Amino acid sequence: MTRAAPGAPSWRRAWKKEGGVPSSVAGRVRSWKLGLLIAGGVGAVFMHVWIRLTVLRVGYALSDARQVVRKLENEHGTLETQWAALTSPARLEALAGARLGLRRPLPQQVVTLP
């Protein structure tokens, strides 16, 4: 086995002498691994909760948007019905006669172009 340098820390000398990792270092490594595992698990739980809350919030926003779309579609249908009623030929002819004094032209007043 190789010997550690004389000025090296005691754990390094013990490592070189025993041919492996000293128990104090192995315990620290295990603690770090356990700490990282716990931190990763907590992080995964937080990520899961955050994703679920985001999905819930987006679901509510989508529901609100669907309600707005339904309302606008109903309003569009109502406006189309009003447009059809207001632009009907019979109504326009009656308004033209009543407000402007217009009437249909007589046959001799119609000029046909060649």
Protein backbone atom coordinates (compact mmCIF):
# COMPACT_ATOMS: atom_id res chain seq x y z
CA MET A 1 0.00 0.00 0.00
CA THR A 2 1.06 3.52 -0.65
CA ARG A 3 1.62 5.85 2.19
CA ALA A 4 -0.03 9.22 2.50
CA ALA A 5 2.09 12.31 2.60
CA PRO A 6 3.26 13.26 6.07
CA GLY A 7 1.41 16.60 6.04
CA ALA A 8 -1.86 15.07 4.76
CA PRO A 9 -4.99 15.17 6.97
CA SER A 10 -5.46 12.29 9.35
CA TRP A 11 -8.47 10.85 7.48
CA ARG A 12 -6.36 10.62 4.33
CA ARG A 13 -3.65 8.76 6.20
CA ALA A 14 -6.25 6.42 7.68
CA TRP A 15 -7.72 5.86 4.23
CA LYS A 16 -4.40 4.98 2.72
CA LYS A 17 -3.45 2.81 5.70
CA GLU A 18 -6.69 0.84 5.90
CA GLY A 19 -7.08 0.52 2.15
CA GLY A 20 -10.51 2.14 2.04
CA VAL A 21 -12.64 5.04 3.18
CA PRO A 22 -12.54 5.70 6.92
CA SER A 23 -15.85 5.34 8.71
CA SER A 24 -16.08 9.04 9.57
CA VAL A 25 -15.80 9.98 5.89
CA ALA A 26 -18.16 7.20 4.85
CA GLY A 27 -20.67 8.47 7.42
CA ARG A 28 -20.40 11.98 6.03
CA VAL A 29 -20.88 10.68 2.48
CA ARG A 30 -23.91 8.69 3.62
CA SER A 31 -25.28 11.80 5.35
CA TRP A 32 -24.83 13.84 2.18
CA LYS A 33 -26.48 11.16 0.09
CA LEU A 34 -29.38 10.93 2.53
CA GLY A 35 -29.68 14.72 2.65
CA LEU A 36 -29.69 14.93 -1.14
CA LEU A 37 -32.26 12.16 -1.33
CA ILE A 38 -34.52 13.91 1.17
CA ALA A 39 -34.05 17.28 -0.56
CA GLY A 40 -34.86 15.66 -3.89
CA GLY A 41 -37.98 14.05 -2.45
CA VAL A 42 -39.14 17.31 -0.89
CA GLY A 43 -38.42 19.08 -4.19
CA ALA A 44 -40.42 16.47 -6.08
CA VAL A 45 -43.36 16.90 -3.69
CA PHE A 46 -43.25 20.68 -4.08
CA MET A 47 -43.04 20.31 -7.86
CA HIS A 48 -46.03 17.94 -7.85
CA VAL A 49 -48.11 20.33 -5.73
CA TRP A 50 -47.12 23.29 -7.93
CA ILE A 51 -48.09 21.41 -11.09
CA ARG A 52 -51.44 20.34 -9.61
CA LEU A 53 -52.22 23.93 -8.56
CA THR A 54 -51.26 25.19 -12.00
CA VAL A 55 -53.52 22.62 -13.66
CA LEU A 56 -56.35 23.62 -11.33
CA ARG A 57 -55.86 27.34 -12.05
CA VAL A 58 -55.70 26.76 -15.81
CA GLY A 59 -58.83 24.59 -15.57
CA TYR A 60 -60.74 27.42 -13.91
CA ALA A 61 -59.48 29.90 -16.50
CA LEU A 62 -60.58 27.53 -19.28
CA SER A 63 -64.02 27.17 -17.70
CA ASP A 64 -64.36 30.96 -17.52
CA ALA A 65 -63.26 31.29 -21.14
CA ARG A 66 -65.84 28.70 -22.23
CA GLN A 67 -68.58 30.64 -20.43
CA VAL A 68 -67.52 33.83 -22.21
CA VAL A 69 -67.52 32.02 -25.56
CA ARG A 70 -71.05 30.68 -24.94
CA LYS A 71 -72.26 34.15 -23.96
CA LEU A 72 -70.70 35.73 -27.05
CA GLU A 73 -72.13 33.02 -29.33
CA ASN A 74 -75.62 33.68 -27.91
CA GLU A 75 -75.15 37.42 -28.38
CA HIS A 76 -73.92 36.84 -31.94
CA GLY A 77 -77.05 34.80 -32.74
CA THR A 78 -79.25 37.53 -31.30
CA LEU A 79 -77.45 40.20 -33.33
CA GLU A 80 -77.74 38.14 -36.53
CA THR A 81 -81.50 37.83 -35.96
CA GLN A 82 -81.80 41.57 -35.39
CA TRP A 83 -79.73 42.29 -38.52
CA ALA A 84 -81.95 40.03 -40.61
CA ALA A 85 -85.07 41.76 -39.27
CA LEU A 86 -83.71 45.26 -39.79
CA THR A 87 -82.47 44.61 -43.33
CA SER A 88 -85.50 42.69 -44.62
CA PRO A 89 -86.68 44.02 -48.01
CA ALA A 90 -90.28 44.50 -46.82
CA ARG A 91 -89.18 46.64 -43.87
CA LEU A 92 -86.78 48.70 -45.97
CA GLU A 93 -89.49 49.32 -48.59
CA ALA A 94 -91.96 50.44 -45.90
CA LEU A 95 -89.38 52.78 -44.32
CA ALA A 96 -88.43 54.24 -47.71
CA GLY A 97 -92.09 55.03 -48.44
CA ALA A 98 -92.87 56.40 -44.97
CA ARG A 99 -89.75 58.46 -44.26
CA LEU A 100 -88.52 59.46 -47.70
CA GLY A 101 -91.70 59.31 -49.77
CA LEU A 102 -90.16 56.81 -52.20
CA ARG A 103 -92.21 54.30 -54.19
CA ARG A 104 -91.55 51.63 -56.81
CA PRO A 105 -90.88 53.02 -60.30
CA LEU A 106 -93.53 52.72 -62.97
CA PRO A 107 -92.66 50.50 -65.94
CA GLN A 108 -92.15 53.51 -68.28
CA GLN A 109 -89.64 54.99 -65.76
CA VAL A 110 -87.30 51.98 -66.00
CA VAL A 111 -84.56 52.31 -68.64
CA THR A 112 -82.81 49.18 -69.82
CA LEU A 113 -79.26 49.66 -71.07
CA PRO A 114 -77.98 47.74 -74.11
